[in-house]
């Protein structure tokens, strides 16, 4: 049987080496805008095996650094799915007393969605807005959640520090993300149809690992 790598940290380290090698092959002139953006983009590729994120993942109004500050100041991270929440490493967040939430399965979200004729993801945004303190919204699945955020900000009903907007899909995903990217809300957006809860979690993990200088943590 052929020899293969068995130690988890060596597998991860080799993966990151391969990613950098392939980026150089795809576009030898490619430059990351900052070390933090490099961490985010490389981890996005590591999670998805999709090199399109070299160009699809876009940053607006210093969102990545704002999210770091929210984490370090013990703010709130709110995801649109339990899958995204489950994928976020909690160890560093807990060290900073940063809270993390997903209200989509909250009984109040069910009730509000039924009353208003909206999605539970939209109802969950309303519930999250009641939290006290700085908030970052992380959307990996529901374009309606992004539209709700945009409308709530426009109506001055909600305060947002930043949004990670990476919902995947064919109905409203690309359109909602483009609108978010062109808004005044600090954001990290995956332009086009691609994205997902796994990508959303990977972005947050890269941002929090960067705080402590961790690059290759699995």
C-alpha atoms as a PDB file:
ATOM      1  CA  UNK A   1       0.000   0.000   0.000  1.00  0.00           C
ATOM      2  CA  UNK A   2       1.251   3.484  -0.833  1.00  0.00           C
ATOM      3  CA  UNK A   3       2.425   5.673   1.999  1.00  0.00           C
ATOM      4  CA  UNK A   4       0.055   8.479   2.931  1.00  0.00           C
ATOM      5  CA  UNK A   5      -0.018  11.269   5.501  1.00  0.00           C
ATOM      6  CA  UNK A   6      -1.767  10.244   8.704  1.00  0.00           C
ATOM      7  CA  UNK A   7      -1.129  13.096  11.133  1.00  0.00           C
ATOM      8  CA  UNK A   8      -3.959  15.705  10.938  1.00  0.00           C
ATOM      9  CA  UNK A   9      -1.733  18.782  11.271  1.00  0.00           C
ATOM     10  CA  UNK A  10       0.572  17.518   8.514  1.00  0.00           C
ATOM     11  CA  UNK A  11      -2.416  16.943   6.215  1.00  0.00           C
ATOM     12  CA  UNK A  12      -3.615  20.491   6.858  1.00  0.00           C
ATOM     13  CA  UNK A  13      -0.167  22.010   6.394  1.00  0.00           C
ATOM     14  CA  UNK A  14       0.338  20.154   3.126  1.00  0.00           C
ATOM     15  CA  UNK A  15      -3.100  21.287   1.948  1.00  0.00           C
ATOM     16  CA  UNK A  16      -2.183  24.914   2.486  1.00  0.00           C
ATOM     17  CA  UNK A  17       1.124  24.405   0.668  1.00  0.00           C
ATOM     18  CA  UNK A  18      -0.716  22.922  -2.323  1.00  0.00           C
ATOM     19  CA  UNK A  19      -3.199  25.811  -2.329  1.00  0.00           C
ATOM     20  CA  UNK A  20      -0.424  28.407  -2.493  1.00  0.00           C
ATOM     21  CA  UNK A  21       1.358  26.420  -5.204  1.00  0.00           C
ATOM     22  CA  UNK A  22      -1.801  26.241  -7.317  1.00  0.00           C
ATOM     23  CA  UNK A  23      -2.595  29.924  -6.835  1.00  0.00           C
ATOM     24  CA  UNK A  24       0.855  30.707  -8.223  1.00  0.00           C
ATOM     25  CA  UNK A  25       0.154  28.439 -11.201  1.00  0.00           C
ATOM     26  CA  UNK A  26      -3.310  29.855 -11.887  1.00  0.00           C
ATOM     27  CA  UNK A  27      -2.156  33.463 -11.727  1.00  0.00           C
ATOM     28  CA  UNK A  28       1.535  34.174 -11.058  1.00  0.00           C
ATOM     29  CA  UNK A  29       0.669  37.884 -10.711  1.00  0.00           C
ATOM     30  CA  UNK A  30      -2.010  37.319  -8.081  1.00  0.00           C
ATOM     31  CA  UNK A  31      -1.519  39.397  -4.951  1.00  0.00           C
ATOM     32  CA  UNK A  32      -3.459  39.321  -1.688  1.00  0.00           C
ATOM     33  CA  UNK A  33      -4.496  42.745  -0.421  1.00  0.00           C
ATOM     34  CA  UNK A  34      -3.498  41.973   3.173  1.00  0.00           C
ATOM     35  CA  UNK A  35      -2.371  39.071   5.363  1.00  0.00           C
ATOM     36  CA  UNK A  36      -5.863  38.806   6.868  1.00  0.00           C
ATOM     37  CA  UNK A  37      -7.536  38.656   3.466  1.00  0.00           C
ATOM     38  CA  UNK A  38      -4.995  36.003   2.483  1.00  0.00           C
ATOM     39  CA  UNK A  39      -5.950  33.942   5.531  1.00  0.00           C
ATOM     40  CA  UNK A  40      -9.638  34.226   4.648  1.00  0.00           C
ATOM     41  CA  UNK A  41      -9.308  33.442   0.948  1.00  0.00           C
ATOM     42  CA  UNK A  42      -6.927  30.534   1.457  1.00  0.00           C
ATOM     43  CA  UNK A  43      -9.139  29.011   4.139  1.00  0.00           C
ATOM     44  CA  UNK A  44     -12.167  29.460   1.871  1.00  0.00           C
ATOM     45  CA  UNK A  45     -10.334  27.502  -0.818  1.00  0.00           C
ATOM     46  CA  UNK A  46      -9.209  24.923   1.740  1.00  0.00           C
ATOM     47  CA  UNK A  47     -12.806  24.374   2.841  1.00  0.00           C
ATOM     48  CA  UNK A  48     -14.354  24.226  -0.630  1.00  0.00           C
ATOM     49  CA  UNK A  49     -11.508  23.131  -2.943  1.00  0.00           C
ATOM     50  CA  UNK A  50     -12.724  25.938  -5.197  1.00  0.00           C
ATOM     51  CA  UNK A  51     -10.138  28.387  -6.494  1.00  0.00           C
ATOM     52  CA  UNK A  52     -12.839  30.707  -7.845  1.00  0.00           C
ATOM     53  CA  UNK A  53     -12.806  32.315  -4.399  1.00  0.00           C
ATOM     54  CA  UNK A  54      -9.525  33.970  -5.362  1.00  0.00           C
ATOM     55  CA  UNK A  55     -11.716  36.427  -7.257  1.00  0.00           C
ATOM     56  CA  UNK A  56     -15.291  35.785  -6.078  1.00  0.00           C
ATOM     57  CA  UNK A  57     -14.668  36.657  -2.437  1.00  0.00           C
ATOM     58  CA  UNK A  58     -14.781  40.435  -2.096  1.00  0.00           C
ATOM     59  CA  UNK A  59     -14.267  42.736   0.880  1.00  0.00           C
ATOM     60  CA  UNK A  60     -15.978  46.034   1.551  1.00  0.00           C
ATOM     61  CA  UNK A  61     -15.312  48.822   4.062  1.00  0.00           C
ATOM     62  CA  UNK A  62     -12.726  46.969   6.131  1.00  0.00           C
ATOM     63  CA  UNK A  63     -15.287  44.349   7.204  1.00  0.00           C
ATOM     64  CA  UNK A  64     -12.738  41.683   8.117  1.00  0.00           C
ATOM     65  CA  UNK A  65     -11.050  43.956  10.673  1.00  0.00           C
ATOM     66  CA  UNK A  66     -14.397  45.158  12.014  1.00  0.00           C
ATOM     67  CA  UNK A  67     -15.413  41.548  12.617  1.00  0.00           C
ATOM     68  CA  UNK A  68     -12.186  40.954  14.502  1.00  0.00           C
ATOM     69  CA  UNK A  69     -12.943  43.916  16.743  1.00  0.00           C
ATOM     70  CA  UNK A  70     -16.462  42.647  17.435  1.00  0.00           C
ATOM     71  CA  UNK A  71     -15.013  39.298  18.456  1.00  0.00           C
ATOM     72  CA  UNK A  72     -12.335  40.883  20.644  1.00  0.00           C
ATOM     73  CA  UNK A  73     -14.874  43.211  22.283  1.00  0.00           C
ATOM     74  CA  UNK A  74     -17.236  40.386  23.200  1.00  0.00           C
ATOM     75  CA  UNK A  75     -19.984  41.186  20.712  1.00  0.00           C
ATOM     76  CA  UNK A  76     -22.444  38.893  18.959  1.00  0.00           C
ATOM     77  CA  UNK A  77     -22.119  36.637  15.921  1.00  0.00           C
ATOM     78  CA  UNK A  78     -25.462  35.616  14.412  1.00  0.00           C
ATOM     79  CA  UNK A  79     -25.720  32.864  11.790  1.00  0.00           C
ATOM     80  CA  UNK A  80     -28.656  32.076   9.524  1.00  0.00           C
ATOM     81  CA  UNK A  81     -28.237  28.301   9.903  1.00  0.00           C
ATOM     82  CA  UNK A  82     -27.299  25.893  12.649  1.00  0.00           C
ATOM     83  CA  UNK A  83     -24.881  24.307  10.173  1.00  0.00           C
ATOM     84  CA  UNK A  84     -22.873  27.521   9.941  1.00  0.00           C
ATOM     85  CA  UNK A  85     -22.951  27.907  13.707  1.00  0.00           C
ATOM     86  CA  UNK A  86     -21.780  24.308  14.177  1.00  0.00           C
ATOM     87  CA  UNK A  87     -18.863  24.875  11.799  1.00  0.00           C
ATOM     88  CA  UNK A  88     -17.512  27.879  13.701  1.00  0.00           C
ATOM     89  CA  UNK A  89     -14.759  27.041  16.175  1.00  0.00           C
ATOM     90  CA  UNK A  90     -15.879  28.382  19.546  1.00  0.00           C
ATOM     91  CA  UNK A  91     -12.642  28.200  21.534  1.00  0.00           C
ATOM     92  CA  UNK A  92     -11.254  31.642  20.662  1.00  0.00           C
ATOM     93  CA  UNK A  93     -14.717  33.225  20.703  1.00  0.00           C
ATOM     94  CA  UNK A  94     -15.209  31.959  24.248  1.00  0.00           C
ATOM     95  CA  UNK A  95     -11.867  33.420  25.294  1.00  0.00           C
ATOM     96  CA  UNK A  96     -13.150  36.856  24.282  1.00  0.00           C
ATOM     97  CA  UNK A  97     -16.657  36.263  25.679  1.00  0.00           C
ATOM     98  CA  UNK A  98     -18.010  36.680  22.160  1.00  0.00           C
ATOM     99  CA  UNK A  99     -21.543  35.297  21.956  1.00  0.00           C
ATOM    100  CA  UNK A 100     -22.845  33.258  19.011  1.00  0.00           C
ATOM    101  CA  UNK A 101     -26.448  32.624  18.071  1.00  0.00           C
ATOM    102  CA  UNK A 102     -28.791  31.099  15.523  1.00  0.00           C
ATOM    103  CA  UNK A 103     -32.475  31.942  15.939  1.00  0.00           C
ATOM    104  CA  UNK A 104     -33.869  30.122  12.910  1.00  0.00           C
ATOM    105  CA  UNK A 105     -35.271  27.257  15.016  1.00  0.00           C
ATOM    106  CA  UNK A 106     -36.407  29.497  17.855  1.00  0.00           C
ATOM    107  CA  UNK A 107     -40.124  29.041  18.509  1.00  0.00           C
ATOM    108  CA  UNK A 108     -40.519  32.808  18.277  1.00  0.00           C
ATOM    109  CA  UNK A 109     -39.122  32.701  14.737  1.00  0.00           C
ATOM    110  CA  UNK A 110     -41.723  30.114  13.738  1.00  0.00           C
ATOM    111  CA  UNK A 111     -44.499  32.232  15.205  1.00  0.00           C
ATOM    112  CA  UNK A 112     -43.310  35.505  13.680  1.00  0.00           C
ATOM    113  CA  UNK A 113     -42.742  33.949  10.257  1.00  0.00           C
ATOM    114  CA  UNK A 114     -46.270  32.583  10.232  1.00  0.00           C
ATOM    115  CA  UNK A 115     -47.788  35.851  11.404  1.00  0.00           C
ATOM    116  CA  UNK A 116     -45.911  38.019   8.905  1.00  0.00           C
ATOM    117  CA  UNK A 117     -45.836  35.588   5.988  1.00  0.00           C
ATOM    118  CA  UNK A 118     -42.038  35.700   5.811  1.00  0.00           C
ATOM    119  CA  UNK A 119     -39.242  33.126   5.995  1.00  0.00           C
ATOM    120  CA  UNK A 120     -37.912  31.968   9.346  1.00  0.00           C
ATOM    121  CA  UNK A 121     -34.539  33.361   8.308  1.00  0.00           C
ATOM    122  CA  UNK A 122     -36.112  36.807   8.039  1.00  0.00           C
ATOM    123  CA  UNK A 123     -37.882  36.368  11.364  1.00  0.00           C
ATOM    124  CA  UNK A 124     -34.591  35.318  12.938  1.00  0.00           C
ATOM    125  CA  UNK A 125     -33.051  38.640  11.874  1.00  0.00           C
ATOM    126  CA  UNK A 126     -35.781  40.472  13.790  1.00  0.00           C
ATOM    127  CA  UNK A 127     -35.067  38.404  16.904  1.00  0.00           C
ATOM    128  CA  UNK A 128     -31.320  38.954  16.610  1.00  0.00           C
ATOM    129  CA  UNK A 129     -31.797  42.706  16.340  1.00  0.00           C
ATOM    130  CA  UNK A 130     -32.985  42.702  19.953  1.00  0.00           C
ATOM    131  CA  UNK A 131     -29.545  41.670  21.221  1.00  0.00           C
ATOM    132  CA  UNK A 132     -27.591  44.393  23.000  1.00  0.00           C
ATOM    133  CA  UNK A 133     -24.117  45.161  21.749  1.00  0.00           C
ATOM    134  CA  UNK A 134     -22.237  45.049  18.432  1.00  0.00           C
ATOM    135  CA  UNK A 135     -23.494  42.419  15.994  1.00  0.00           C
ATOM    136  CA  UNK A 136     -22.113  40.602  12.973  1.00  0.00           C
ATOM    137  CA  UNK A 137     -24.539  38.691  10.770  1.00  0.00           C
ATOM    138  CA  UNK A 138     -23.284  35.587   8.977  1.00  0.00           C
ATOM    139  CA  UNK A 139     -25.467  34.392   6.102  1.00  0.00           C
ATOM    140  CA  UNK A 140     -24.533  31.210   4.257  1.00  0.00           C
ATOM    141  CA  UNK A 141     -27.866  29.928   3.078  1.00  0.00           C
ATOM    142  CA  UNK A 142     -30.744  32.425   2.976  1.00  0.00           C
ATOM    143  CA  UNK A 143     -30.805  35.317   0.476  1.00  0.00           C
ATOM    144  CA  UNK A 144     -33.988  36.505   2.198  1.00  0.00           C
ATOM    145  CA  UNK A 145     -31.925  37.135   5.338  1.00  0.00           C
ATOM    146  CA  UNK A 146     -29.659  39.479   3.382  1.00  0.00           C
ATOM    147  CA  UNK A 147     -32.635  41.330   1.923  1.00  0.00           C
ATOM    148  CA  UNK A 148     -34.116  41.618   5.411  1.00  0.00           C
ATOM    149  CA  UNK A 149     -30.858  43.065   6.722  1.00  0.00           C
ATOM    150  CA  UNK A 150     -30.658  45.578   3.888  1.00  0.00           C
ATOM    151  CA  UNK A 151     -34.271  46.677   4.333  1.00  0.00           C
ATOM    152  CA  UNK A 152     -33.922  46.930   8.123  1.00  0.00           C
ATOM    153  CA  UNK A 153     -30.802  49.072   7.844  1.00  0.00           C
ATOM    154  CA  UNK A 154     -32.477  51.332   5.291  1.00  0.00           C
ATOM    155  CA  UNK A 155     -35.445  51.738   7.642  1.00  0.00           C
ATOM    156  CA  UNK A 156     -33.047  52.393  10.557  1.00  0.00           C
ATOM    157  CA  UNK A 157     -34.524  49.479  12.493  1.00  0.00           C
ATOM    158  CA  UNK A 158     -31.297  47.634  13.110  1.00  0.00           C
ATOM    159  CA  UNK A 159     -27.635  48.299  13.876  1.00  0.00           C
ATOM    160  CA  UNK A 160     -25.058  46.173  12.062  1.00  0.00           C
ATOM    161  CA  UNK A 161     -21.299  46.206  12.397  1.00  0.00           C
ATOM    162  CA  UNK A 162     -20.685  43.897   9.428  1.00  0.00           C
ATOM    163  CA  UNK A 163     -22.200  41.093   7.352  1.00  0.00           C
ATOM    164  CA  UNK A 164     -20.680  37.942   5.917  1.00  0.00           C
ATOM    165  CA  UNK A 165     -22.955  37.336   2.942  1.00  0.00           C
ATOM    166  CA  UNK A 166     -22.251  34.060   1.164  1.00  0.00           C
ATOM    167  CA  UNK A 167     -25.586  32.286   0.529  1.00  0.00           C
ATOM    168  CA  UNK A 168     -25.472  29.600  -2.144  1.00  0.00           C
ATOM    169  CA  UNK A 169     -28.182  28.995  -4.710  1.00  0.00           C
ATOM    170  CA  UNK A 170     -30.109  29.965  -7.810  1.00  0.00           C
ATOM    171  CA  UNK A 171     -32.977  32.116  -6.504  1.00  0.00           C
ATOM    172  CA  UNK A 172     -31.889  35.477  -5.167  1.00  0.00           C
ATOM    173  CA  UNK A 173     -28.452  34.393  -4.001  1.00  0.00           C
ATOM    174  CA  UNK A 174     -26.327  36.253  -6.557  1.00  0.00           C
ATOM    175  CA  UNK A 175     -28.672  39.243  -6.601  1.00  0.00           C
ATOM    176  CA  UNK A 176     -28.831  39.673  -2.829  1.00  0.00           C
ATOM    177  CA  UNK A 177     -25.067  39.416  -2.465  1.00  0.00           C
ATOM    178  CA  UNK A 178     -24.413  41.957  -5.171  1.00  0.00           C
ATOM    179  CA  UNK A 179     -26.834  44.374  -3.519  1.00  0.00           C
ATOM    180  CA  UNK A 180     -25.106  43.851  -0.173  1.00  0.00           C
ATOM    181  CA  UNK A 181     -21.702  44.443  -1.754  1.00  0.00           C
ATOM    182  CA  UNK A 182     -22.902  47.749  -3.216  1.00  0.00           C
ATOM    183  CA  UNK A 183     -24.470  48.891   0.057  1.00  0.00           C
ATOM    184  CA  UNK A 184     -22.829  50.954   2.791  1.00  0.00           C
ATOM    185  CA  UNK A 185     -22.699  47.964   5.129  1.00  0.00           C
ATOM    186  CA  UNK A 186     -19.199  46.579   5.769  1.00  0.00           C
ATOM    187  CA  UNK A 187     -19.278  43.132   4.204  1.00  0.00           C
ATOM    188  CA  UNK A 188     -17.501  40.057   2.969  1.00  0.00           C
ATOM    189  CA  UNK A 189     -19.394  38.683  -0.019  1.00  0.00           C
ATOM    190  CA  UNK A 190     -19.045  35.675  -2.315  1.00  0.00           C
ATOM    191  CA  UNK A 191     -20.213  37.112  -5.619  1.00  0.00           C
ATOM    192  CA  UNK A 192     -22.263  34.848  -7.874  1.00  0.00           C
ATOM    193  CA  UNK A 193     -24.150  31.667  -7.040  1.00  0.00           C
ATOM    194  CA  UNK A 194     -21.455  29.950  -5.006  1.00  0.00           C
ATOM    195  CA  UNK A 195     -21.242  29.981  -1.221  1.00  0.00           C
ATOM    196  CA  UNK A 196     -22.757  28.025   1.632  1.00  0.00           C
ATOM    197  CA  UNK A 197     -22.792  27.543   5.367  1.00  0.00           C
ATOM    198  CA  UNK A 198     -19.417  25.777   5.299  1.00  0.00           C
ATOM    199  CA  UNK A 199     -17.871  28.798   3.592  1.00  0.00           C
ATOM    200  CA  UNK A 200     -19.514  31.176   6.071  1.00  0.00           C
ATOM    201  CA  UNK A 201     -18.014  29.249   8.985  1.00  0.00           C
ATOM    202  CA  UNK A 202     -14.603  29.080   7.302  1.00  0.00           C
ATOM    203  CA  UNK A 203     -14.499  32.860   6.894  1.00  0.00           C
ATOM    204  CA  UNK A 204     -15.250  33.438  10.577  1.00  0.00           C
ATOM    205  CA  UNK A 205     -12.706  30.814  11.599  1.00  0.00           C
ATOM    206  CA  UNK A 206     -10.008  32.451   9.489  1.00  0.00           C
ATOM    207  CA  UNK A 207     -10.783  35.837  11.032  1.00  0.00           C
ATOM    208  CA  UNK A 208     -10.624  34.597  14.602  1.00  0.00           C
ATOM    209  CA  UNK A 209      -7.558  32.393  14.045  1.00  0.00           C
ATOM    210  CA  UNK A 210      -5.753  35.414  12.627  1.00  0.00           C
ATOM    211  CA  UNK A 211      -6.206  37.228  15.944  1.00  0.00           C
ATOM    212  CA  UNK A 212      -3.889  34.726  17.574  1.00  0.00           C
ATOM    213  CA  UNK A 213      -1.624  34.193  14.600  1.00  0.00           C
ATOM    214  CA  UNK A 214      -3.022  30.726  13.822  1.00  0.00           C
ATOM    215  CA  UNK A 215      -2.930  29.992  10.092  1.00  0.00           C
ATOM    216  CA  UNK A 216      -3.203  26.284   9.522  1.00  0.00           C
ATOM    217  CA  UNK A 217      -5.558  25.144  12.262  1.00  0.00           C
ATOM    218  CA  UNK A 218      -7.990  22.533  10.953  1.00  0.00           C
END
